[in-house]
Amino acid sequence: MLHSPRLTQLALTIALVVGAPLAIAAEPAVVKPAAAPATEAAKAPLPLEELRTFAEVMDRIKAAYVEPVDDKTLLENAIKGMLSNLDPHSAYLGPEDFQELQESTSGEFGGLGIEVGQEDGFIKVVSPIDDTPASRAGIQAGDLIVKINGAPTRGQTMTEAVDKMRGKVGEKITLTLVRDGGTPFDVTLARAVIQVKSVKSQLLENDYGYIRITQFQVKTGEEVGKALAKLRKDNGKKLRGIVLDLRNNPGGVLQSAVEVADHFLTKGLIVYTKGRIANSELRFSADPADASEGVPLVVLINGGSASASEIVAGALQDQKRAVLMGTDSFGKGSVQTVLPLANDRALKLTTALYFTPNGRSIQAQGIVPDIEVRPAKLTAEVDTENFKEADLQGHLGNGNGGADRPTGSSKRKERPQDDDFQLSQALSLLKGLNITKGN
């Protein structure tokens, strides 16, 4: 029979967890404790019958389980179970997990370089991060991780799986993957310190710039502003088009996504959020400054583009500022808030949904590109170019004053678009837009 003092102690423990203060913020911003909102759920009495059952189960486990289990372990497992059954993105963060989350948003952390989600009980790769062990090993967005070092992942939470993939730098780990429903195969790779440069940029060719965002960190908005200025400087004049590459970008900080979109917009709504708690209904609008100078813009997305990436893509699509090209995005339309607890622990809790300017929630649906372009392998043909007029001895000069162009004179160095079909199509579209507009 359950004793009253024990029930009171357990009820107090659970009340402290369930009644943790909530406040809205973008993942992974950290919210300081504040007064809990006076909602009907907060005022509802605790379900004593369920608490009695909980305490009885706990007593039975302690008395009958094959190995001794202490109260702390059982309660922490109960908290993890409570959160893991809400949605795939809510989680209980122990001290190490909390620290790792903070490090990941600063741009440096240890691991394999994989952003993961959950699907049908398996761990699924949302996207590999550029220039990490995962991307170099050929791991792709959509791969299912069915085993980690031979141990099945089915039934594990994302936090448990991530803990197993993290470890000492230099140690090797073997992942068993399933791709597109095929036969499982192993990939062995070594853990490394992941240093993520969130923004990369370069001129694809004269007048056309390229900006890739690998994930949205705290300073990503500022870095994109610098990249736009550098591209214009390197080009020597105003650009005629920009490709913004958000493929395999798993998201990150909401505020950074707003700042990036604002670099390409001069007015209008960027994104808004809705939730149940106080201050969860936020709206973000563009300011009149335009770092991109209004040049034609193509945004590349794919199934690895999630969360903050979808905020940017959705805003630019709804505001008719860019043409979206690629394949459907991931479909994560929720906002997570990190709520610190005592003893360096925290809750990562889904507190709101976000919506594009036209009121679209992309949760579990994703952003559909304006022009679907699937990945394709480009193979350069053997150059069988015949002699030209300029190769003939004694040929006449060009009356327009242009230089002769004999065979082989048009060879150029390799460029990113030469082996990236989607990027080459994006560049071709920008050129076409300029021709039709008479620029």
Protein backbone atom coordinates (compact mmCIF):
# COMPACT_ATOMS: atom_id res chain seq x y z
CA MET A 1 0.00 0.00 0.00
CA LEU A 2 1.28 3.46 -0.88
CA HIS A 3 2.18 5.62 2.08
CA SER A 4 0.98 9.21 2.07
CA PRO A 5 4.39 10.87 2.64
CA ARG A 6 5.87 9.02 -0.37
CA LEU A 7 2.95 10.08 -2.59
CA THR A 8 3.37 13.68 -1.49
CA GLN A 9 7.09 13.60 -2.29
CA LEU A 10 6.52 12.09 -5.74
CA ALA A 11 3.70 14.49 -6.50
CA LEU A 12 5.92 17.41 -5.58
CA THR A 13 8.72 16.10 -7.80
CA ILE A 14 6.43 15.75 -10.80
CA ALA A 15 4.77 19.10 -10.14
CA LEU A 16 8.14 20.81 -10.25
CA VAL A 17 8.81 19.24 -13.65
CA VAL A 18 5.37 19.72 -15.20
CA GLY A 19 5.06 23.25 -13.85
CA ALA A 20 8.40 24.44 -15.24
CA PRO A 21 8.06 28.02 -16.53
CA LEU A 22 7.66 28.48 -20.25
CA ALA A 23 8.66 31.31 -22.57
CA ILE A 24 9.00 31.47 -26.31
CA ALA A 25 12.34 31.70 -28.09
CA ALA A 26 13.98 30.32 -31.18
CA GLU A 27 16.00 27.16 -30.88
CA PRO A 28 18.53 27.08 -29.36
CA ALA A 29 18.12 30.33 -27.47
CA VAL A 30 18.10 29.84 -23.72
CA VAL A 31 15.20 31.22 -21.74
CA LYS A 32 15.64 32.29 -18.13
CA PRO A 33 12.98 31.08 -15.69
CA ALA A 34 9.97 33.37 -15.45
CA ALA A 35 6.56 33.27 -13.89
CA ALA A 36 4.39 30.46 -15.24
CA PRO A 37 1.33 31.53 -17.25
CA ALA A 38 -2.01 31.16 -15.52
CA THR A 39 -3.54 28.73 -18.01
CA GLU A 40 -6.34 26.29 -17.32
CA ALA A 41 -3.85 23.43 -17.57
CA ALA A 42 -1.64 25.06 -14.91
CA LYS A 43 -4.64 25.44 -12.55
CA ALA A 44 -5.92 21.88 -13.04
CA PRO A 45 -5.40 19.58 -10.04
CA LEU A 46 -2.78 16.85 -10.35
CA PRO A 47 -4.23 13.45 -11.32
CA LEU A 48 -3.77 11.63 -8.02
CA GLU A 49 -4.80 8.22 -9.39
CA GLU A 50 -2.10 8.37 -12.08
CA LEU A 51 0.45 9.59 -9.52
CA ARG A 52 -0.39 6.60 -7.31
CA THR A 53 0.09 4.30 -10.30
CA PHE A 54 3.41 5.98 -11.09
CA ALA A 55 4.63 5.57 -7.53
CA GLU A 56 3.46 1.94 -7.44
CA VAL A 57 5.28 1.15 -10.71
CA MET A 58 8.41 2.77 -9.32
CA ASP A 59 8.16 0.67 -6.13
CA ARG A 60 7.61 -2.53 -8.12
CA ILE A 61 10.63 -1.82 -10.34
CA LYS A 62 12.85 -1.16 -7.33
CA ALA A 63 11.68 -4.31 -5.60
CA ALA A 64 11.54 -6.78 -8.48
CA TYR A 65 13.84 -5.64 -11.31
CA VAL A 66 16.73 -8.03 -11.95
CA GLU A 67 19.30 -5.37 -10.98
CA PRO A 68 19.12 -2.60 -8.36
CA VAL A 69 17.89 0.75 -9.72
CA ASP A 70 18.03 3.98 -7.75
CA ASP A 71 15.35 6.66 -7.53
CA LYS A 72 17.40 9.22 -9.49
CA THR A 73 17.76 6.92 -12.52
CA LEU A 74 14.08 6.00 -12.53
CA LEU A 75 12.93 9.62 -12.26
CA GLU A 76 15.29 10.82 -15.00
CA ASN A 77 14.05 8.03 -17.27
CA ALA A 78 10.48 9.03 -16.49
CA ILE A 79 11.23 12.62 -17.47
CA LYS A 80 12.87 11.48 -20.73
CA GLY A 81 9.86 9.32 -21.53
CA MET A 82 7.50 12.19 -20.76
CA LEU A 83 9.24 14.43 -23.32
CA SER A 84 10.06 11.86 -25.99
CA ASN A 85 6.36 11.03 -26.40
CA LEU A 86 5.40 14.65 -27.09
CA ASP A 87 7.16 15.06 -30.46
CA PRO A 88 10.54 14.17 -32.01
CA HIS A 89 12.10 17.53 -31.12
CA SER A 90 11.27 17.87 -27.43
CA ALA A 91 13.89 16.38 -25.11
CA TYR A 92 15.39 16.38 -21.65
CA LEU A 93 18.98 17.64 -21.75
CA GLY A 94 21.44 16.43 -19.14
CA PRO A 95 24.52 18.56 -18.37
CA GLU A 96 26.55 17.13 -21.29
CA ASP A 97 23.66 17.40 -23.77
CA PHE A 98 22.94 20.97 -22.70
CA GLN A 99 26.59 21.93 -23.11
CA GLU A 100 26.76 20.29 -26.56
CA LEU A 101 23.67 22.18 -27.71
CA GLN A 102 25.21 25.49 -26.65
CA GLU A 103 28.47 24.61 -28.40
CA SER A 104 26.71 23.61 -31.64
CA THR A 105 25.14 27.07 -32.02
CA SER A 106 28.50 28.75 -31.46
CA GLY A 107 29.91 26.91 -34.49
CA GLU A 108 32.25 24.35 -32.90
CA PHE A 109 31.44 20.95 -31.36
CA GLY A 110 32.56 17.34 -31.34
CA GLY A 111 30.94 14.56 -33.34
CA LEU A 112 30.37 13.25 -36.87
CA GLY A 113 28.65 16.22 -38.49
CA ILE A 114 25.16 14.75 -38.89
CA GLU A 115 21.85 16.46 -38.15
CA VAL A 116 19.32 13.74 -37.30
CA GLY A 117 15.60 13.28 -36.83
CA GLN A 118 13.34 10.31 -36.16
CA GLU A 119 11.12 8.27 -38.48
CA ASP A 120 9.19 5.06 -37.74
CA GLY A 121 11.32 4.42 -34.68
CA PHE A 122 14.60 4.77 -36.60
CA ILE A 123 17.11 7.60 -36.55
CA LYS A 124 17.05 9.46 -39.86
CA VAL A 125 19.70 11.75 -41.33
CA VAL A 126 18.18 15.19 -41.92
CA SER A 127 21.41 16.39 -43.47
CA PRO A 128 25.16 15.92 -43.30
CA ILE A 129 27.06 19.13 -42.51
CA ASP A 130 29.55 20.29 -45.13
CA ASP A 131 33.25 19.48 -44.64
CA THR A 132 32.69 17.00 -41.79
CA PRO A 133 33.41 13.25 -41.44
CA ALA A 134 29.79 12.49 -42.35
CA SER A 135 29.77 14.46 -45.60
CA ARG A 136 33.20 13.15 -46.62
CA ALA A 137 32.02 9.56 -45.98
CA GLY A 138 29.12 10.05 -48.42
CA ILE A 139 26.28 9.98 -45.88
CA GLN A 140 23.19 11.54 -47.45
CA ALA A 141 20.02 13.26 -46.30
CA GLY A 142 17.28 10.65 -45.89
CA ASP A 143 19.59 7.79 -44.88
CA LEU A 144 18.23 5.72 -41.99
CA ILE A 145 20.75 4.88 -39.26
CA VAL A 146 19.62 1.38 -38.23
CA LYS A 147 22.66 0.46 -36.11
CA ILE A 148 25.42 2.28 -34.24
CA ASN A 149 28.47 0.08 -33.67
CA GLY A 150 26.28 -2.97 -34.26
CA ALA A 151 23.58 -1.97 -31.75
CA PRO A 152 20.09 -1.40 -33.26
CA THR A 153 18.74 2.14 -33.01
CA ARG A 154 15.06 1.22 -33.25
CA GLY A 155 13.33 2.32 -30.08
CA GLN A 156 16.10 4.71 -29.03
CA THR A 157 15.39 8.39 -28.56
CA MET A 158 17.28 10.91 -30.66
CA THR A 159 19.17 12.04 -27.58
CA GLU A 160 20.31 8.49 -26.84
CA ALA A 161 21.43 7.95 -30.43
CA VAL A 162 23.29 11.27 -30.56
CA ASP A 163 25.04 10.45 -27.28
CA LYS A 164 26.33 7.22 -28.84
CA MET A 165 27.54 8.98 -31.97
CA ARG A 166 29.43 11.59 -29.99
CA GLY A 167 32.66 10.63 -28.26
CA LYS A 168 36.38 11.08 -28.08
CA VAL A 169 37.88 12.87 -31.07
CA GLY A 170 39.72 10.42 -33.35
CA GLU A 171 37.80 7.34 -32.23
CA LYS A 172 36.16 5.37 -35.03
CA ILE A 173 32.48 4.52 -35.17
CA THR A 174 30.54 2.30 -37.56
CA LEU A 175 27.05 3.28 -38.69
CA THR A 176 24.77 0.84 -40.48
CA LEU A 177 22.65 2.74 -42.98
CA VAL A 178 19.67 2.00 -45.21
CA ARG A 179 19.25 4.21 -48.26
CA ASP A 180 15.99 4.38 -50.23
CA GLY A 181 14.79 1.07 -48.79
CA GLY A 182 17.83 -0.81 -50.07
CA THR A 183 20.21 -3.27 -48.43
CA PRO A 184 21.87 -2.11 -45.18
CA PHE A 185 25.51 -1.10 -45.53
CA ASP A 186 28.21 -0.01 -43.09
CA VAL A 187 30.08 3.28 -43.02
CA THR A 188 33.05 3.64 -40.68
CA LEU A 189 34.24 7.13 -39.84
CA ALA A 190 36.27 8.87 -37.14
CA ARG A 191 34.83 11.42 -34.74
CA ALA A 192 36.26 14.93 -35.10
CA VAL A 193 35.89 18.41 -33.72
CA ILE A 194 33.23 19.86 -35.97
CA GLN A 195 34.03 23.44 -36.88
CA VAL A 196 31.18 24.72 -38.94
CA LYS A 197 31.62 27.81 -41.12
CA SER A 198 28.01 28.71 -41.66
CA VAL A 199 28.45 30.93 -44.74
CA LYS A 200 30.55 30.39 -47.88
CA SER A 201 30.52 32.60 -50.94
CA GLN A 202 32.22 33.08 -54.30
CA LEU A 203 31.64 34.35 -57.83
CA LEU A 204 30.41 31.56 -60.08
CA GLU A 205 31.48 33.71 -63.02
CA ASN A 206 31.47 37.42 -63.78
CA ASP A 207 28.32 39.13 -62.46
CA TYR A 208 26.87 36.04 -60.76
CA GLY A 209 27.39 35.32 -57.07
CA TYR A 210 26.91 32.22 -54.95
CA ILE A 211 26.17 32.07 -51.21
CA ARG A 212 25.88 28.79 -49.33
CA ILE A 213 24.55 28.63 -45.77
CA THR A 214 25.35 25.31 -44.06
CA GLN A 215 23.36 26.06 -40.89
CA PHE A 216 21.93 29.06 -39.06
CA GLN A 217 24.19 30.09 -36.20
CA VAL A 218 24.07 33.21 -34.05
CA LYS A 219 26.21 35.27 -36.46
CA THR A 220 24.92 33.87 -39.77
CA GLY A 221 22.88 36.98 -40.63
CA GLU A 222 25.92 39.18 -40.14
CA GLU A 223 28.09 36.82 -42.22
CA VAL A 224 25.63 36.86 -45.13
CA GLY A 225 25.70 40.66 -45.10
CA LYS A 226 29.51 40.57 -45.33
CA ALA A 227 29.36 37.94 -48.10
CA LEU A 228 27.04 40.12 -50.21
CA ALA A 229 29.37 43.11 -49.81
CA LYS A 230 32.43 41.03 -50.73
CA LEU A 231 30.77 39.56 -53.83
CA ARG A 232 29.94 43.03 -55.09
CA LYS A 233 33.49 44.22 -54.39
CA ASP A 234 35.06 41.19 -56.11
CA ASN A 235 32.80 41.68 -59.12
CA GLY A 236 33.69 45.36 -59.37
CA LYS A 237 30.10 46.38 -59.99
CA LYS A 238 26.53 45.44 -59.15
CA LEU A 239 25.81 41.74 -59.53
CA ARG A 240 23.31 40.48 -62.09
CA GLY A 241 22.17 37.50 -60.04
CA ILE A 242 22.71 35.46 -56.85
CA VAL A 243 22.21 31.80 -56.04
CA LEU A 244 21.39 31.23 -52.36
CA ASP A 245 22.09 27.57 -51.53
CA LEU A 246 20.11 26.15 -48.58
CA ARG A 247 20.40 22.50 -49.56
CA ASN A 248 21.10 20.14 -46.65
CA ASN A 249 20.84 23.03 -44.19
CA PRO A 250 19.18 21.61 -41.05
CA GLY A 251 18.22 25.02 -39.63
CA GLY A 252 19.25 26.56 -36.32
CA VAL A 253 18.60 29.97 -34.81
CA LEU A 254 15.30 31.61 -35.78
CA GLN A 255 16.59 35.18 -35.42
CA SER A 256 19.41 34.44 -37.87
CA ALA A 257 16.91 33.16 -40.44
CA VAL A 258 14.98 36.41 -40.10
CA GLU A 259 18.18 38.44 -40.58
CA VAL A 260 19.15 36.47 -43.70
CA ALA A 261 15.72 36.90 -45.30
CA ASP A 262 15.81 40.60 -44.42
CA HIS A 263 19.01 41.04 -46.48
CA PHE A 264 16.93 40.26 -49.60
CA LEU A 265 13.66 41.99 -48.68
CA THR A 266 12.75 45.67 -48.27
CA LYS A 267 9.25 45.33 -46.84
CA GLY A 268 6.61 42.88 -45.71
CA LEU A 269 6.31 40.01 -43.28
CA ILE A 270 9.09 37.43 -43.01
CA VAL A 271 7.62 34.91 -40.53
CA TYR A 272 5.25 34.73 -37.59
CA THR A 273 4.78 32.20 -34.80
CA LYS A 274 1.80 30.91 -32.82
CA GLY A 275 1.78 29.00 -29.55
CA ARG A 276 -0.18 28.54 -26.34
CA ILE A 277 1.98 30.48 -23.93
CA ALA A 278 2.46 34.17 -23.31
CA ASN A 279 4.63 36.01 -25.86
CA SER A 280 4.50 33.09 -28.29
CA GLU A 281 2.79 35.08 -31.03
CA LEU A 282 5.70 36.87 -32.63
CA ARG A 283 5.90 38.66 -35.99
CA PHE A 284 9.07 39.58 -37.87
CA SER A 285 9.04 42.08 -40.75
CA ALA A 286 11.70 43.33 -43.16
CA ASP A 287 13.33 46.75 -42.89
CA PRO A 288 13.82 48.98 -45.97
CA ALA A 289 17.57 48.33 -46.35
CA ASP A 290 18.47 45.94 -49.18
CA ALA A 291 21.96 44.44 -48.99
CA SER A 292 21.27 42.37 -52.13
CA GLU A 293 20.44 45.48 -54.23
CA GLY A 294 17.35 43.74 -55.57
CA VAL A 295 19.24 41.55 -58.04
CA PRO A 296 17.56 38.37 -59.39
CA LEU A 297 17.70 35.55 -56.84
CA VAL A 298 17.39 31.76 -57.08
CA VAL A 299 17.18 29.72 -53.87
CA LEU A 300 18.18 26.04 -53.90
CA ILE A 301 16.42 23.68 -51.46
CA ASN A 302 16.09 19.91 -51.00
CA GLY A 303 14.91 17.31 -48.51
CA GLY A 304 17.71 18.28 -46.14
CA SER A 305 16.56 21.91 -45.93
CA ALA A 306 14.75 22.21 -42.61
CA SER A 307 13.42 24.65 -40.03
CA ALA A 308 15.22 28.01 -40.36
CA SER A 309 16.04 27.17 -43.99
CA GLU A 310 12.36 26.76 -44.70
CA ILE A 311 11.60 30.09 -42.99
CA VAL A 312 13.96 31.88 -45.40
CA ALA A 313 12.78 29.95 -48.46
CA GLY A 314 9.11 30.40 -47.57
CA ALA A 315 9.46 34.13 -46.97
CA LEU A 316 11.31 34.76 -50.23
CA GLN A 317 8.81 32.62 -52.15
CA ASP A 318 5.70 34.25 -50.65
CA GLN A 319 7.10 37.75 -51.19
CA LYS A 320 7.90 36.89 -54.86
CA ARG A 321 11.51 37.87 -54.24
CA ALA A 322 13.13 34.63 -55.41
CA VAL A 323 12.56 31.58 -57.57
CA LEU A 324 12.85 28.39 -55.53
CA MET A 325 14.52 25.49 -57.32
CA GLY A 326 15.32 21.92 -56.28
CA THR A 327 13.13 19.41 -54.43
CA ASP A 328 10.63 19.53 -51.54
CA SER A 329 12.11 20.63 -48.21
CA PHE A 330 12.07 18.64 -44.95
CA GLY A 331 8.91 20.05 -43.33
CA LYS A 332 9.92 21.09 -39.80
CA GLY A 333 7.64 23.98 -38.92
CA SER A 334 8.01 24.07 -35.14
CA VAL A 335 9.98 26.28 -32.77
CA GLN A 336 11.89 24.81 -29.84
CA THR A 337 12.69 26.74 -26.67
CA VAL A 338 15.53 25.72 -24.36
CA LEU A 339 14.41 26.08 -20.74
CA PRO A 340 17.24 25.84 -18.18
CA LEU A 341 16.63 23.71 -15.10
CA ALA A 342 18.68 23.27 -11.95
CA ASN A 343 22.09 21.52 -11.97
CA ASP A 344 23.04 22.54 -15.54
CA ARG A 345 20.13 20.65 -17.06
CA ALA A 346 17.49 21.91 -19.47
CA LEU A 347 14.33 21.08 -21.39
CA LYS A 348 14.18 21.50 -25.16
CA LEU A 349 10.46 21.99 -25.63
CA THR A 350 8.35 22.63 -28.72
CA THR A 351 6.47 25.82 -27.86
CA ALA A 352 5.16 27.22 -31.16
CA LEU A 353 4.58 26.69 -34.87
CA TYR A 354 5.85 29.18 -37.42
CA PHE A 355 4.05 30.38 -40.53
CA THR A 356 5.23 31.94 -43.80
CA PRO A 357 3.95 35.43 -44.77
CA ASN A 358 0.97 33.94 -46.63
CA GLY A 359 -0.05 31.93 -43.56
CA ARG A 360 1.40 28.58 -44.62
CA SER A 361 2.46 26.12 -41.96
CA ILE A 362 5.02 23.83 -43.54
CA GLN A 363 4.94 21.37 -40.62
CA ALA A 364 5.18 17.81 -42.01
CA GLN A 365 4.63 19.14 -45.56
CA GLY A 366 7.64 21.24 -46.44
CA ILE A 367 8.22 23.96 -49.01
CA VAL A 368 7.54 23.00 -52.63
CA PRO A 369 10.00 24.61 -55.06
CA ASP A 370 8.71 26.73 -57.96
CA ILE A 371 10.83 24.66 -60.35
CA GLU A 372 11.58 21.04 -59.49
CA VAL A 373 15.13 20.04 -60.40
CA ARG A 374 16.34 16.70 -59.12
CA PRO A 375 20.04 15.96 -58.59
CA ALA A 376 21.82 14.51 -61.60
CA LYS A 377 25.37 13.45 -62.28
CA LEU A 378 27.19 15.59 -64.82
CA THR A 379 29.74 13.91 -67.05
CA ALA A 380 31.97 16.04 -69.24
CA GLU A 381 32.12 14.84 -72.83
CA VAL A 382 35.48 14.29 -74.53
CA ASP A 383 36.42 17.42 -76.42
CA THR A 384 36.03 16.59 -80.13
CA GLU A 385 36.02 20.19 -81.27
CA ASN A 386 36.98 20.63 -84.95
CA PHE A 387 39.31 23.26 -86.34
CA LYS A 388 37.88 26.72 -86.56
CA GLU A 389 38.41 29.47 -89.09
CA ALA A 390 40.89 31.10 -86.71
CA ASP A 391 43.13 28.00 -86.95
CA LEU A 392 43.64 28.40 -90.69
CA GLN A 393 46.87 30.01 -91.81
CA GLY A 394 46.30 33.38 -93.44
CA HIS A 395 42.72 33.72 -92.22
CA LEU A 396 41.12 37.13 -92.38
CA GLY A 397 40.93 39.23 -89.26
CA ASN A 398 37.74 40.17 -87.50
CA GLY A 399 36.29 43.43 -88.80
CA ASN A 400 34.80 44.20 -85.40
CA GLY A 401 38.24 44.32 -83.82
CA GLY A 402 37.74 41.28 -81.60
CA ALA A 403 40.57 38.88 -80.79
CA ASP A 404 40.89 35.61 -82.73
CA ARG A 405 39.42 32.54 -81.00
CA PRO A 406 41.13 29.40 -82.29
CA THR A 407 40.37 25.86 -81.11
CA GLY A 408 41.04 25.41 -77.39
CA SER A 409 40.96 29.12 -76.56
CA SER A 410 37.67 28.78 -74.66
CA LYS A 411 39.00 26.32 -72.05
CA ARG A 412 38.36 27.46 -68.52
CA LYS A 413 39.17 26.32 -65.00
CA GLU A 414 36.75 24.12 -63.09
CA ARG A 415 33.82 25.86 -61.40
CA PRO A 416 31.30 24.64 -58.76
CA GLN A 417 28.47 24.56 -61.32
CA ASP A 418 30.43 22.25 -63.63
CA ASP A 419 29.69 19.16 -61.50
CA ASP A 420 26.52 20.33 -59.71
CA PHE A 421 23.47 19.97 -61.97
CA GLN A 422 21.07 21.87 -59.71
CA LEU A 423 23.50 24.77 -59.33
CA SER A 424 24.13 24.91 -63.08
CA GLN A 425 20.37 25.06 -63.69
CA ALA A 426 20.03 27.87 -61.14
CA LEU A 427 22.76 29.87 -62.90
CA SER A 428 21.15 29.29 -66.29
CA LEU A 429 17.82 30.54 -64.93
CA LEU A 430 19.45 33.73 -63.62
CA LYS A 431 21.01 34.37 -67.02
CA GLY A 432 17.66 33.79 -68.70
CA LEU A 433 15.91 36.21 -66.32
CA ASN A 434 18.46 38.89 -67.19
CA ILE A 435 18.06 38.34 -70.94
CA THR A 436 14.28 38.51 -70.84
CA LYS A 437 14.35 41.65 -68.65
CA GLY A 438 16.83 43.28 -70.98
CA ASN A 439 19.53 43.67 -68.33
